[in-house]
C-alpha atoms as a PDB file:
ATOM      1  CA  ASP A   1      -0.577 -43.836 -34.894  1.00  0.00           C
ATOM      2  CA  HIS A   2      -1.920 -46.753 -36.892  1.00  0.00           C
ATOM      3  CA  LEU A   3       1.189 -46.920 -39.077  1.00  0.00           C
ATOM      4  CA  GLY A   4       4.453 -48.667 -38.124  1.00  0.00           C
ATOM      5  CA  ASP A   5       5.358 -51.187 -35.470  1.00  0.00           C
ATOM      6  CA  MET A   6       5.339 -48.858 -32.463  1.00  0.00           C
ATOM      7  CA  ASP A   7       4.438 -45.387 -31.153  1.00  0.00           C
ATOM      8  CA  PHE A   8       7.416 -44.043 -29.193  1.00  0.00           C
ATOM      9  CA  LYS A   9       7.537 -40.589 -27.548  1.00  0.00           C
ATOM     10  CA  VAL A  10      10.566 -39.352 -25.587  1.00  0.00           C
ATOM     11  CA  THR A  11      11.081 -36.113 -23.647  1.00  0.00           C
ATOM     12  CA  GLY A  12      14.047 -34.842 -21.655  1.00  0.00           C
ATOM     13  CA  THR A  13      16.908 -32.407 -21.317  1.00  0.00           C
ATOM     14  CA  ALA A  14      20.487 -32.321 -22.569  1.00  0.00           C
ATOM     15  CA  ASP A  15      21.399 -34.473 -19.558  1.00  0.00           C
ATOM     16  CA  GLY A  16      19.025 -37.325 -20.300  1.00  0.00           C
ATOM     17  CA  ILE A  17      15.465 -38.659 -20.573  1.00  0.00           C
ATOM     18  CA  THR A  18      12.816 -37.449 -18.130  1.00  0.00           C
ATOM     19  CA  ALA A  19       9.816 -39.398 -19.503  1.00  0.00           C
ATOM     20  CA  PHE A  20       8.737 -41.585 -22.423  1.00  0.00           C
ATOM     21  CA  GLN A  21       5.675 -43.406 -23.744  1.00  0.00           C
ATOM     22  CA  LEU A  22       5.757 -46.603 -25.795  1.00  0.00           C
ATOM     23  CA  ASP A  23       2.908 -48.378 -27.597  1.00  0.00           C
ATOM     24  CA  ILE A  24       3.848 -51.462 -29.614  1.00  0.00           C
ATOM     25  CA  LYS A  25       1.765 -53.118 -32.328  1.00  0.00           C
ATOM     26  CA  ILE A  26       3.747 -56.268 -32.842  1.00  0.00           C
ATOM     27  CA  GLY A  27       4.542 -59.287 -30.727  1.00  0.00           C
ATOM     28  CA  GLY A  28       7.793 -57.853 -29.342  1.00  0.00           C
ATOM     29  CA  LEU A  29      10.798 -55.595 -29.907  1.00  0.00           C
ATOM     30  CA  THR A  30      14.423 -56.502 -30.200  1.00  0.00           C
ATOM     31  CA  ILE A  31      17.124 -54.769 -28.142  1.00  0.00           C
ATOM     32  CA  GLU A  32      18.721 -53.524 -31.329  1.00  0.00           C
ATOM     33  CA  LEU A  33      15.467 -51.816 -32.414  1.00  0.00           C
ATOM     34  CA  MET A  34      15.010 -50.143 -29.050  1.00  0.00           C
ATOM     35  CA  SER A  35      18.629 -48.971 -29.039  1.00  0.00           C
ATOM     36  CA  THR A  36      18.223 -47.449 -32.491  1.00  0.00           C
ATOM     37  CA  ALA A  37      14.975 -45.724 -31.494  1.00  0.00           C
ATOM     38  CA  LEU A  38      16.494 -44.249 -28.342  1.00  0.00           C
ATOM     39  CA  GLU A  39      19.523 -42.941 -30.251  1.00  0.00           C
ATOM     40  CA  GLN A  40      17.294 -41.285 -32.850  1.00  0.00           C
ATOM     41  CA  ALA A  41      15.231 -39.763 -30.033  1.00  0.00           C
ATOM     42  CA  ARG A  42      18.408 -38.432 -28.356  1.00  0.00           C
ATOM     43  CA  GLN A  43      19.627 -36.779 -31.547  1.00  0.00           C
ATOM     44  CA  GLY A  44      16.205 -35.261 -32.202  1.00  0.00           C
ATOM     45  CA  ARG A  45      15.915 -33.979 -28.621  1.00  0.00           C
ATOM     46  CA  LEU A  46      19.346 -32.348 -28.668  1.00  0.00           C
ATOM     47  CA  TYR A  47      18.617 -30.740 -32.038  1.00  0.00           C
ATOM     48  CA  ILE A  48      15.381 -29.198 -30.747  1.00  0.00           C
ATOM     49  CA  LEU A  49      17.031 -28.005 -27.513  1.00  0.00           C
ATOM     50  CA  ASP A  50      19.819 -26.344 -29.475  1.00  0.00           C
ATOM     51  CA  LYS A  51      17.306 -24.403 -31.586  1.00  0.00           C
ATOM     52  CA  MET A  52      15.440 -23.369 -28.440  1.00  0.00           C
ATOM     53  CA  ASN A  53      18.641 -22.091 -26.803  1.00  0.00           C
ATOM     54  CA  GLN A  54      19.442 -20.049 -29.869  1.00  0.00           C
ATOM     55  CA  ALA A  55      16.086 -18.292 -29.513  1.00  0.00           C
ATOM     56  CA  ILE A  56      16.193 -17.827 -25.728  1.00  0.00           C
ATOM     57  CA  SER A  57      18.759 -19.441 -23.455  1.00  0.00           C
ATOM     58  CA  ALA A  58      17.005 -18.576 -20.193  1.00  0.00           C
ATOM     59  CA  PRO A  59      13.675 -17.169 -19.004  1.00  0.00           C
ATOM     60  CA  LYS A  60      13.390 -13.393 -19.146  1.00  0.00           C
ATOM     61  CA  PRO A  61      13.978 -11.769 -15.753  1.00  0.00           C
ATOM     62  CA  GLU A  62      10.618 -10.021 -16.005  1.00  0.00           C
ATOM     63  CA  LEU A  63       7.412 -10.525 -17.890  1.00  0.00           C
ATOM     64  CA  SER A  64       6.376  -7.972 -20.439  1.00  0.00           C
ATOM     65  CA  PRO A  65       4.366  -5.138 -18.864  1.00  0.00           C
ATOM     66  CA  TYR A  66       1.574  -6.093 -21.235  1.00  0.00           C
ATOM     67  CA  ALA A  67       1.528  -9.789 -20.347  1.00  0.00           C
ATOM     68  CA  PRO A  68      -1.528 -10.987 -18.380  1.00  0.00           C
ATOM     69  CA  ARG A  69      -0.835 -11.150 -14.662  1.00  0.00           C
ATOM     70  CA  ILE A  70      -2.244 -12.986 -11.674  1.00  0.00           C
ATOM     71  CA  ILE A  71      -1.410 -11.541  -8.254  1.00  0.00           C
ATOM     72  CA  THR A  72      -2.264 -13.335  -5.023  1.00  0.00           C
ATOM     73  CA  ILE A  73      -2.241 -11.629  -1.633  1.00  0.00           C
ATOM     74  CA  LYS A  74      -3.557 -12.439   1.822  1.00  0.00           C
ATOM     75  CA  ILE A  75      -5.680 -10.086   3.938  1.00  0.00           C
ATOM     76  CA  PRO A  76      -7.023 -10.468   7.489  1.00  0.00           C
ATOM     77  CA  ILE A  77     -10.355 -12.255   7.570  1.00  0.00           C
ATOM     78  CA  ASP A  78     -11.928  -9.444   9.588  1.00  0.00           C
ATOM     79  CA  LYS A  79     -11.016  -6.989   6.782  1.00  0.00           C
ATOM     80  CA  ILE A  80     -12.869  -8.859   4.023  1.00  0.00           C
ATOM     81  CA  GLY A  81     -16.040  -6.875   4.653  1.00  0.00           C
ATOM     82  CA  GLU A  82     -14.208  -3.559   4.338  1.00  0.00           C
ATOM     83  CA  VAL A  83     -12.712  -4.570   0.994  1.00  0.00           C
ATOM     84  CA  ILE A  84     -16.075  -5.730  -0.365  1.00  0.00           C
ATOM     85  CA  GLY A  85     -17.992  -2.783   1.072  1.00  0.00           C
ATOM     86  CA  PRO A  86     -21.756  -2.410   1.544  1.00  0.00           C
ATOM     87  CA  GLY A  87     -23.456  -4.405  -1.182  1.00  0.00           C
ATOM     88  CA  GLY A  88     -20.097  -4.884  -2.923  1.00  0.00           C
ATOM     89  CA  LYS A  89     -19.742  -1.150  -3.545  1.00  0.00           C
ATOM     90  CA  MET A  90     -16.054  -0.909  -2.623  1.00  0.00           C
ATOM     91  CA  ILE A  91     -14.780  -3.891  -4.608  1.00  0.00           C
ATOM     92  CA  ARG A  92     -16.834  -2.858  -7.634  1.00  0.00           C
ATOM     93  CA  SER A  93     -15.247   0.585  -7.546  1.00  0.00           C
ATOM     94  CA  ILE A  94     -11.771  -0.990  -7.565  1.00  0.00           C
ATOM     95  CA  ILE A  95     -12.674  -3.254 -10.487  1.00  0.00           C
ATOM     96  CA  GLU A  96     -14.145  -0.362 -12.467  1.00  0.00           C
ATOM     97  CA  ALA A  97     -11.157   1.888 -11.784  1.00  0.00           C
ATOM     98  CA  THR A  98      -8.436  -0.643 -12.623  1.00  0.00           C
ATOM     99  CA  GLY A  99     -10.111  -3.091 -15.013  1.00  0.00           C
ATOM    100  CA  ALA A 100      -8.798  -6.020 -12.959  1.00  0.00           C
ATOM    101  CA  LYS A 101     -10.803  -9.056 -11.883  1.00  0.00           C
ATOM    102  CA  ILE A 102     -10.786  -9.651  -8.125  1.00  0.00           C
ATOM    103  CA  ASP A 103     -11.850 -12.790  -6.244  1.00  0.00           C
ATOM    104  CA  ILE A 104     -11.825 -13.027  -2.435  1.00  0.00           C
ATOM    105  CA  GLU A 105     -11.931 -16.354  -0.607  1.00  0.00           C
ATOM    106  CA  ASP A 106     -13.325 -16.905   2.874  1.00  0.00           C
ATOM    107  CA  ASP A 107      -9.799 -17.418   4.263  1.00  0.00           C
ATOM    108  CA  GLY A 108      -8.703 -13.955   3.110  1.00  0.00           C
ATOM    109  CA  THR A 109      -6.937 -15.030  -0.086  1.00  0.00           C
ATOM    110  CA  VAL A 110      -7.346 -12.359  -2.764  1.00  0.00           C
ATOM    111  CA  THR A 111      -6.683 -13.261  -6.399  1.00  0.00           C
ATOM    112  CA  ILE A 112      -6.243 -10.374  -8.828  1.00  0.00           C
ATOM    113  CA  ALA A 113      -6.208 -11.061 -12.561  1.00  0.00           C
ATOM    114  CA  SER A 114      -5.352  -8.238 -14.951  1.00  0.00           C
ATOM    115  CA  VAL A 115      -4.415  -7.729 -18.574  1.00  0.00           C
ATOM    116  CA  ASP A 116      -1.218  -5.859 -17.672  1.00  0.00           C
ATOM    117  CA  GLN A 117       1.151  -5.174 -14.799  1.00  0.00           C
ATOM    118  CA  LEU A 118       0.046  -1.640 -13.953  1.00  0.00           C
ATOM    119  CA  ALA A 119      -3.625  -2.550 -13.630  1.00  0.00           C
ATOM    120  CA  GLY A 120      -2.835  -5.501 -11.372  1.00  0.00           C
ATOM    121  CA  GLU A 121      -0.551  -3.474  -9.124  1.00  0.00           C
ATOM    122  CA  ALA A 122      -3.086  -0.647  -8.894  1.00  0.00           C
ATOM    123  CA  ALA A 123      -5.802  -3.069  -7.793  1.00  0.00           C
ATOM    124  CA  ARG A 124      -3.451  -4.724  -5.290  1.00  0.00           C
ATOM    125  CA  ASP A 125      -2.435  -1.384  -3.774  1.00  0.00           C
ATOM    126  CA  ARG A 126      -6.066  -0.343  -3.340  1.00  0.00           C
ATOM    127  CA  VAL A 127      -6.957  -3.600  -1.614  1.00  0.00           C
ATOM    128  CA  LEU A 128      -3.954  -3.362   0.712  1.00  0.00           C
ATOM    129  CA  ALA A 129      -4.742   0.266   1.525  1.00  0.00           C
ATOM    130  CA  LEU A 130      -8.213  -0.770   2.693  1.00  0.00           C
ATOM    131  CA  THR A 131      -6.765  -3.398   5.029  1.00  0.00           C
ATOM    132  CA  GLU A 132      -3.788  -1.432   6.342  1.00  0.00           C
ATOM    133  CA  GLU A 133      -3.758  -0.533  10.026  1.00  0.00           C
ATOM    134  CA  ALA A 134      -2.114   2.402  11.756  1.00  0.00           C
ATOM    135  CA  GLU A 135       1.379   1.730  13.073  1.00  0.00           C
ATOM    136  CA  MET A 136       2.692   3.161  16.316  1.00  0.00           C
ATOM    137  CA  GLY A 137       5.342   5.827  15.666  1.00  0.00           C
ATOM    138  CA  ARG A 138       4.730   6.005  11.927  1.00  0.00           C
ATOM    139  CA  ILE A 139       4.332   9.342  10.134  1.00  0.00           C
ATOM    140  CA  TYR A 140       1.376   9.792   7.774  1.00  0.00           C
ATOM    141  CA  THR A 141       0.084  12.536   5.512  1.00  0.00           C
ATOM    142  CA  GLY A 142      -3.619  12.781   6.237  1.00  0.00           C
ATOM    143  CA  LYS A 143      -6.629  14.958   5.526  1.00  0.00           C
ATOM    144  CA  VAL A 144      -8.618  16.822   8.170  1.00  0.00           C
ATOM    145  CA  LYS A 145     -12.095  15.265   8.119  1.00  0.00           C
ATOM    146  CA  ARG A 146     -13.733  16.772  11.188  1.00  0.00           C
ATOM    147  CA  ILE A 147     -13.051  19.561  13.655  1.00  0.00           C
ATOM    148  CA  ALA A 148     -14.187  19.666  17.267  1.00  0.00           C
ATOM    149  CA  ALA A 149     -13.514  22.078  20.098  1.00  0.00           C
ATOM    150  CA  PHE A 150     -10.934  19.690  21.561  1.00  0.00           C
ATOM    151  CA  GLY A 151      -9.059  18.803  18.360  1.00  0.00           C
ATOM    152  CA  ALA A 152      -9.122  17.668  14.737  1.00  0.00           C
ATOM    153  CA  PHE A 153      -9.866  14.234  13.299  1.00  0.00           C
ATOM    154  CA  VAL A 154      -7.443  13.333  10.509  1.00  0.00           C
ATOM    155  CA  GLU A 155      -7.879  10.448   8.060  1.00  0.00           C
ATOM    156  CA  ILE A 156      -4.493   8.760   7.688  1.00  0.00           C
ATOM    157  CA  LEU A 157      -5.679   5.619   5.864  1.00  0.00           C
ATOM    158  CA  PRO A 158      -8.897   4.601   4.105  1.00  0.00           C
ATOM    159  CA  ASN A 159     -11.501   4.199   6.862  1.00  0.00           C
ATOM    160  CA  VAL A 160      -8.860   4.953   9.522  1.00  0.00           C
ATOM    161  CA  ASP A 161      -8.732   8.308  11.268  1.00  0.00           C
ATOM    162  CA  GLY A 162      -7.254   9.590  14.485  1.00  0.00           C
ATOM    163  CA  LEU A 163      -7.565  12.514  16.830  1.00  0.00           C
ATOM    164  CA  VAL A 164      -5.038  15.319  16.947  1.00  0.00           C
ATOM    165  CA  HIS A 165      -5.812  16.865  20.334  1.00  0.00           C
ATOM    166  CA  ILE A 166      -5.704  20.638  20.413  1.00  0.00           C
ATOM    167  CA  SER A 167      -2.609  20.405  22.621  1.00  0.00           C
ATOM    168  CA  GLU A 168      -0.843  18.386  19.893  1.00  0.00           C
ATOM    169  CA  LEU A 169      -1.491  20.820  17.049  1.00  0.00           C
ATOM    170  CA  ASP A 170       1.414  23.213  17.569  1.00  0.00           C
ATOM    171  CA  ASN A 171       4.227  24.226  19.888  1.00  0.00           C
ATOM    172  CA  TYR A 172       2.256  27.139  21.293  1.00  0.00           C
ATOM    173  CA  ARG A 173      -0.992  27.062  23.244  1.00  0.00           C
ATOM    174  CA  VAL A 174      -3.720  26.929  20.612  1.00  0.00           C
ATOM    175  CA  GLY A 175      -6.929  28.755  21.439  1.00  0.00           C
ATOM    176  CA  ARG A 176      -9.028  27.523  18.521  1.00  0.00           C
ATOM    177  CA  VAL A 177      -8.395  24.497  16.304  1.00  0.00           C
ATOM    178  CA  GLU A 178      -9.230  26.593  13.241  1.00  0.00           C
ATOM    179  CA  ASP A 179      -6.255  28.844  14.014  1.00  0.00           C
ATOM    180  CA  VAL A 180      -4.013  25.968  12.861  1.00  0.00           C
ATOM    181  CA  VAL A 181      -6.009  23.661  10.558  1.00  0.00           C
ATOM    182  CA  ASN A 182      -9.258  23.681   8.615  1.00  0.00           C
ATOM    183  CA  LEU A 183     -11.460  21.056   7.026  1.00  0.00           C
ATOM    184  CA  GLY A 184      -9.813  19.487   3.992  1.00  0.00           C
ATOM    185  CA  ASP A 185      -6.269  20.491   4.953  1.00  0.00           C
ATOM    186  CA  GLU A 186      -3.562  17.885   4.368  1.00  0.00           C
ATOM    187  CA  ILE A 187      -1.094  17.706   7.241  1.00  0.00           C
ATOM    188  CA  LYS A 188       1.687  15.424   8.418  1.00  0.00           C
ATOM    189  CA  VAL A 189       1.022  13.662  11.699  1.00  0.00           C
ATOM    190  CA  LYS A 190       2.658  10.981  13.811  1.00  0.00           C
ATOM    191  CA  VAL A 191       0.904   8.134  15.585  1.00  0.00           C
ATOM    192  CA  ILE A 192       1.593   8.595  19.315  1.00  0.00           C
ATOM    193  CA  GLY A 193      -0.934   6.154  20.724  1.00  0.00           C
ATOM    194  CA  ILE A 194      -3.357   3.344  19.907  1.00  0.00           C
ATOM    195  CA  ASP A 195      -5.733   2.210  22.642  1.00  0.00           C
ATOM    196  CA  PRO A 196      -7.107  -1.359  23.043  1.00  0.00           C
ATOM    197  CA  GLU A 197     -10.221  -0.371  21.107  1.00  0.00           C
ATOM    198  CA  GLY A 198      -8.119   0.714  18.141  1.00  0.00           C
ATOM    199  CA  LYS A 199      -8.608   4.461  18.600  1.00  0.00           C
ATOM    200  CA  VAL A 200      -5.623   6.349  17.212  1.00  0.00           C
ATOM    201  CA  ARG A 201      -3.986   9.389  18.816  1.00  0.00           C
ATOM    202  CA  LEU A 202      -1.999  11.657  16.516  1.00  0.00           C
ATOM    203  CA  SER A 203       0.351  14.586  16.929  1.00  0.00           C
ATOM    204  CA  ARG A 204       1.365  17.361  14.585  1.00  0.00           C
ATOM    205  CA  ARG A 205       3.387  19.145  17.259  1.00  0.00           C
ATOM    206  CA  VAL A 206       6.081  16.447  17.567  1.00  0.00           C
ATOM    207  CA  LEU A 207       6.986  16.896  13.894  1.00  0.00           C
ATOM    208  CA  LEU A 208       7.619  20.633  14.236  1.00  0.00           C
ATOM    209  CA  GLU A 209      10.993  22.175  14.960  1.00  0.00           C
ATOM    210  CA  PRO A 210      11.361  23.254  18.600  1.00  0.00           C
ATOM    211  CA  GLY A 211      10.269  26.853  18.979  1.00  0.00           C
ATOM    212  CA  SER A 212       8.821  26.991  15.465  1.00  0.00           C
ATOM    213  CA  GLY A 213       5.313  27.815  16.726  1.00  0.00           C
ATOM    214  CA  ASP A 214       4.129  31.396  16.944  1.00  0.00           C
ATOM    215  CA  ASP A 215       3.973  33.035  20.372  1.00  0.00           C
ATOM    216  CA  ARG A 216       0.201  33.140  20.507  1.00  0.00           C
ATOM    217  CA  SER A 217      -0.331  31.922  24.057  1.00  0.00           C
ATOM    218  CA  GLY A 218      -1.889  35.200  25.141  1.00  0.00           C
ATOM    219  CA  GLY A 219      -1.340  36.539  28.659  1.00  0.00           C
ATOM    220  CA  GLY A 220      -1.392  40.253  27.798  1.00  0.00           C
ATOM    221  CA  GLY A 221       2.091  40.482  26.223  1.00  0.00           C
ATOM    222  CA  ASP A 222       5.514  40.736  27.850  1.00  0.00           C
ATOM    223  CA  ARG A 223       6.668  43.033  30.610  1.00  0.00           C
ATOM    224  CA  SER A 224       8.112  45.696  28.300  1.00  0.00           C
ATOM    225  CA  GLU A 225       4.788  45.999  26.475  1.00  0.00           C
ATOM    226  CA  ARG A 226       2.917  46.393  29.780  1.00  0.00           C
ATOM    227  CA  SER A 227       5.510  48.929  30.964  1.00  0.00           C
ATOM    228  CA  ASP A 228       5.052  50.964  27.813  1.00  0.00           C
ATOM    229  CA  ARG A 229       1.312  50.973  28.310  1.00  0.00           C
ATOM    230  CA  ASN A 230       1.755  52.144  31.914  1.00  0.00           C
ATOM    231  CA  ASN A 231       3.949  55.015  30.761  1.00  0.00           C
ATOM    232  CA  ASP A 232       1.267  56.090  28.324  1.00  0.00           C
ATOM    233  CA  ARG A 233      -1.315  56.655  31.060  1.00  0.00           C
ATOM    234  CA  ARG A 234      -2.499  60.187  31.887  1.00  0.00           C
ATOM    235  CA  PRO A 235      -0.363  62.099  34.426  1.00  0.00           C
ATOM    236  CA  ASP A 236      -1.340  61.967  38.064  1.00  0.00           C
ATOM    237  CA  ARG A 237      -3.540  64.781  39.439  1.00  0.00           C
ATOM    238  CA  ASN A 238      -0.780  65.998  41.703  1.00  0.00           C
ATOM    239  CA  ASN A 239       1.401  66.565  38.669  1.00  0.00           C
ATOM    240  CA  ARG A 240      -1.209  68.539  36.745  1.00  0.00           C
ATOM    241  CA  PRO A 241      -0.607  72.320  36.307  1.00  0.00           C
ATOM    242  CA  ARG A 242      -2.516  74.399  38.860  1.00  0.00           C
ATOM    243  CA  ARG A 243      -5.125  76.900  37.772  1.00  0.00           C
ATOM    244  CA  ASP A 244      -4.952  80.337  39.290  1.00  0.00           C
END
């Protein structure tokens, strides 16, 4: 910069100048000198822009899958603790599994930095799964986590489970929950109720075809079966052969 009469930098587009910087080292500049400098800057700018357009005329529609990514999402403030987990156990497991870096602000802003697209999306999906809430009328595939005499508890989301009452297990009258489901079974259920405390009621029955359940309601069978059994009884004494 110590050589010459001035230090002149110009930037812009093909349409014109957007910014410039001028440092002069002499008493003043003539209009002719400024005009010449601006013309040289215009020609140089257009030359550089032309070479750039030859290489890439517009931004690529998508980044390379291997380009570093930063993903920002927002979660409810009351869900921050669930994402972090006891002693940071949950968030550490996500970081270890995906290799992404995760920062959570007090306002629920989650910033995920990853070395590639797949790792960032995997971390994002895990965070969102932890904060997702059950939706009324939505169908989920869940796992049976606990069985009681009155029904089965099915986990439909991480840390979210609901009760499938025994009357909502099948189209027939179920005597024992284990006749339909067992621990660890994966079943499709529909959310049929959410109370003010957030307890979720589920149904498997509403997803079944009408009449698809087995006829296991008991009651001693139908009339024809009972009639057959009556016919099989021993003959009446009056009809027995007499002994001489």
